[in-house]
């Protein structure tokens, strides 16, 4: 975390939020997530990073937590124990199927199975918004990472999910890790436009897993927001959202 703080200061950023992965899977530990018992140690690390930032950088305490219906209640109890500034809600699994782990998982599916998986993904996004546990929707069309798309009309499913997000008051991130894989951010420009039509707040995030990537492809994300009609981005402090101009 402190490496990211130093990199952010060197880049001249005004603020930095750290949001590591936290996944409460029903029956196993996910290897790329912090341990299910890891929030206290994680929060201690966040506090140390804030001290390292000093007065050179506004530092925000975040976490990226997966929405899993079977553990949502327990997740809410865990998150409530810590004064986070923001919580990103993500869907990395549809049941046991890993959305973004490898192309091979998608390659092994027949197209009708891919269609059903993507449809279920959007249903989980809607349910996540209804849960009230999160502030930001993470990488909203992550399933396209390896070039697999639905061949059925999902407009109603996507619309229902976006309506739920708008009703919840959540923001949608424009995640600029997408161009590394797909040439465009998560979500795509069409979904960003639909967010704007619903007055859903948005913000550009890098999903940086390396200090060198803190603002990677930000110009792509910002351009996508401006093209959709946005003039403001969402920021968070103590789970409260504020809109600021680009």
Foldseek 3Di string as FASTA:
>chain_A
DLLLLVLCLVVQHAADEDAFEAEDDPPDADVRGDGNPCPVVVVVVQVVNCVSNPNSHHYFYEYEYEDDPVCLVVVLVVVVVDQGFFYEYEHQDDNPQGQADDVVSVVPDDLVVVQVSQLSLLVSLLVVLVSLRGAEYELNRSNCQQPRDHPDDCVVSNLSSLVSNLVSLHAYEFEPVRCVRPNGTRPHLVSLLVNVVSVHAYYYAHPDPDSVRGCPPVVRSVVSNVVSPDQWHWDTGSSDIDTDGD
